[in-house]
Amino acid sequence: MIHDTFGDFLYSIIKMSGILGGDKSFVEGLTPKQLHLLMEIGSQTYRHGDLAGILGVDPSTLTRTLDPLAKAGLVDRQSNPDNRREVLIKLSQKGLEAVVVAHEKHHQLFAKLLNQVPENKRKQVDESLAILLKIIKQTNVKH
């Protein structure tokens, strides 16, 4: 059944990412959750509460996740000059470099996987994934 295939597909990706509790990511010294956070921040600057909302976590959980990243020099936290009660979060140069490494490794993995798709089916796979991605981005799942 298509639901079984789709479910297996998604579960395999989640499992491969290590997000379900693995302790190693594509970047040495970072857990999958830490790397996900760095990739989510990217080149943006976020207010602490806004980033917690985007990630769907409690602000205190975000603080605990950010603490070791800040200590490692990957994340900069500073008071918002417009509102001293707010904390602004952005990646340091070291954090940006970690994200670049992760993207490079992801692209290598994706190329390795997609190269196994028969050449005459690659366009079909790409179109199908584009449809699914659009649906996923438009779907608001409450946990």
Protein backbone atom coordinates (compact mmCIF):
# COMPACT_ATOMS: atom_id res chain seq x y z
CA MET A 1 0.00 0.00 0.00
CA ILE A 2 1.30 3.51 -0.80
CA HIS A 3 0.86 4.65 2.83
CA ASP A 4 3.22 1.90 3.99
CA THR A 5 5.85 2.88 1.41
CA PHE A 6 5.55 6.56 2.27
CA GLY A 7 5.72 5.85 6.00
CA ASP A 8 8.76 3.61 5.53
CA PHE A 9 10.37 6.31 3.39
CA LEU A 10 9.86 9.04 5.99
CA TYR A 11 10.89 6.82 8.89
CA SER A 12 14.06 5.80 7.03
CA ILE A 13 15.00 9.44 6.49
CA ILE A 14 14.32 10.32 10.12
CA LYS A 15 16.33 7.33 11.29
CA MET A 16 19.19 8.15 8.91
CA SER A 17 19.30 11.72 10.21
CA GLY A 18 19.91 10.49 13.76
CA ILE A 19 17.34 12.94 15.10
CA LEU A 20 15.63 10.13 17.05
CA GLY A 21 18.37 10.05 19.62
CA GLY A 22 21.62 9.42 17.84
CA ASP A 23 24.64 11.15 19.27
CA LYS A 24 26.57 11.69 16.03
CA SER A 25 25.71 14.01 13.19
CA PHE A 26 27.34 14.97 9.91
CA VAL A 27 29.52 17.44 11.83
CA GLU A 28 32.04 16.14 14.36
CA GLY A 29 31.21 17.10 17.94
CA LEU A 30 27.55 17.97 17.33
CA THR A 31 24.49 15.89 18.05
CA PRO A 32 21.81 15.71 15.35
CA LYS A 33 19.56 17.98 17.43
CA GLN A 34 22.32 20.56 17.84
CA LEU A 35 23.08 20.46 14.12
CA HIS A 36 19.39 20.81 13.30
CA LEU A 37 19.25 23.91 15.49
CA LEU A 38 22.30 25.45 13.79
CA MET A 39 20.82 24.74 10.37
CA GLU A 40 17.49 26.25 11.38
CA ILE A 41 19.20 29.45 12.56
CA GLY A 42 21.40 29.63 9.45
CA SER A 43 22.28 33.20 8.51
CA GLN A 44 19.26 34.68 10.33
CA THR A 45 19.01 36.47 13.65
CA TYR A 46 16.11 35.37 15.84
CA ARG A 47 14.52 36.54 19.03
CA HIS A 48 14.74 33.70 21.54
CA GLY A 49 10.97 33.30 21.90
CA ASP A 50 10.42 33.37 18.13
CA LEU A 51 13.01 30.64 17.55
CA ALA A 52 11.46 28.50 20.29
CA GLY A 53 8.08 28.91 18.55
CA ILE A 54 9.48 27.96 15.14
CA LEU A 55 11.06 24.85 16.61
CA GLY A 56 7.96 24.01 18.63
CA VAL A 57 9.86 23.83 21.91
CA ASP A 58 9.58 25.53 25.26
CA PRO A 59 11.92 28.56 25.62
CA SER A 60 13.67 26.85 28.56
CA THR A 61 14.35 23.79 26.38
CA LEU A 62 15.84 26.04 23.72
CA THR A 63 18.05 27.69 26.34
CA ARG A 64 19.38 24.29 27.47
CA THR A 65 20.08 23.33 23.86
CA LEU A 66 21.78 26.64 23.10
CA ASP A 67 24.02 26.69 26.19
CA PRO A 68 26.64 24.17 24.96
CA LEU A 69 26.55 25.69 21.46
CA ALA A 70 27.27 29.14 22.89
CA LYS A 71 30.07 27.72 25.07
CA ALA A 72 31.56 26.06 21.98
CA GLY A 73 31.53 29.41 20.17
CA LEU A 74 28.97 28.30 17.57
CA VAL A 75 26.12 30.61 18.63
CA ASP A 76 26.10 34.24 19.71
CA ARG A 77 23.47 35.47 22.15
CA GLN A 78 23.07 39.14 22.88
CA SER A 79 20.50 41.51 24.29
CA ASN A 80 18.22 43.16 21.75
CA PRO A 81 19.26 46.84 21.64
CA ASP A 82 15.62 47.76 20.96
CA ASN A 83 14.29 45.76 23.90
CA ARG A 84 16.74 44.73 26.63
CA ARG A 85 14.37 41.99 27.87
CA GLU A 86 14.78 40.08 24.59
CA VAL A 87 17.72 37.91 23.61
CA LEU A 88 18.84 37.76 19.99
CA ILE A 89 20.37 34.55 18.66
CA LYS A 90 22.57 34.14 15.63
CA LEU A 91 25.39 31.90 14.49
CA SER A 92 29.00 32.88 14.95
CA GLN A 93 31.45 32.48 12.09
CA LYS A 94 32.34 29.06 13.52
CA GLY A 95 28.64 28.12 13.57
CA LEU A 96 28.19 29.25 9.97
CA GLU A 97 31.19 27.12 8.95
CA ALA A 98 29.65 24.09 10.68
CA VAL A 99 26.46 24.59 8.69
CA VAL A 100 28.45 24.78 5.44
CA VAL A 101 30.16 21.46 6.31
CA ALA A 102 26.78 19.89 7.09
CA HIS A 103 25.30 21.09 3.79
CA GLU A 104 28.28 19.69 1.87
CA LYS A 105 27.94 16.31 3.57
CA HIS A 106 24.17 16.28 3.01
CA HIS A 107 24.66 17.00 -0.68
CA GLN A 108 27.19 14.16 -0.93
CA LEU A 109 24.73 11.77 0.70
CA PHE A 110 21.82 12.92 -1.46
CA ALA A 111 23.90 12.55 -4.61
CA LYS A 112 24.92 9.04 -3.55
CA LEU A 113 21.28 8.10 -2.98
CA LEU A 114 19.89 9.75 -6.11
CA ASN A 115 22.61 8.26 -8.32
CA GLN A 116 21.08 4.88 -7.51
CA VAL A 117 17.78 5.95 -9.09
CA PRO A 118 17.63 4.85 -12.74
CA GLU A 119 18.40 7.86 -14.93
CA ASN A 120 15.09 7.62 -16.79
CA LYS A 121 13.21 7.87 -13.43
CA ARG A 122 15.10 10.81 -11.88
CA LYS A 123 12.79 13.49 -13.26
CA GLN A 124 9.78 11.56 -11.97
CA VAL A 125 11.36 11.25 -8.51
CA ASP A 126 12.23 14.95 -8.49
CA GLU A 127 8.69 15.97 -9.46
CA SER A 128 7.16 13.64 -6.85
CA LEU A 129 9.45 14.93 -4.12
CA ALA A 130 8.62 18.54 -5.07
CA ILE A 131 4.91 17.79 -4.64
CA LEU A 132 5.49 16.13 -1.26
CA LEU A 133 7.75 18.95 -0.08
CA LYS A 134 5.12 21.54 -0.94
CA ILE A 135 2.51 19.57 1.01
CA ILE A 136 4.83 19.14 4.01
CA LYS A 137 5.64 22.86 4.11
CA GLN A 138 1.94 23.74 4.01
CA THR A 139 0.97 21.27 6.72
CA ASN A 140 0.88 22.50 10.30
CA VAL A 141 1.26 19.52 12.61
CA LYS A 142 0.51 20.02 16.30
CA HIS A 143 2.46 17.80 18.71
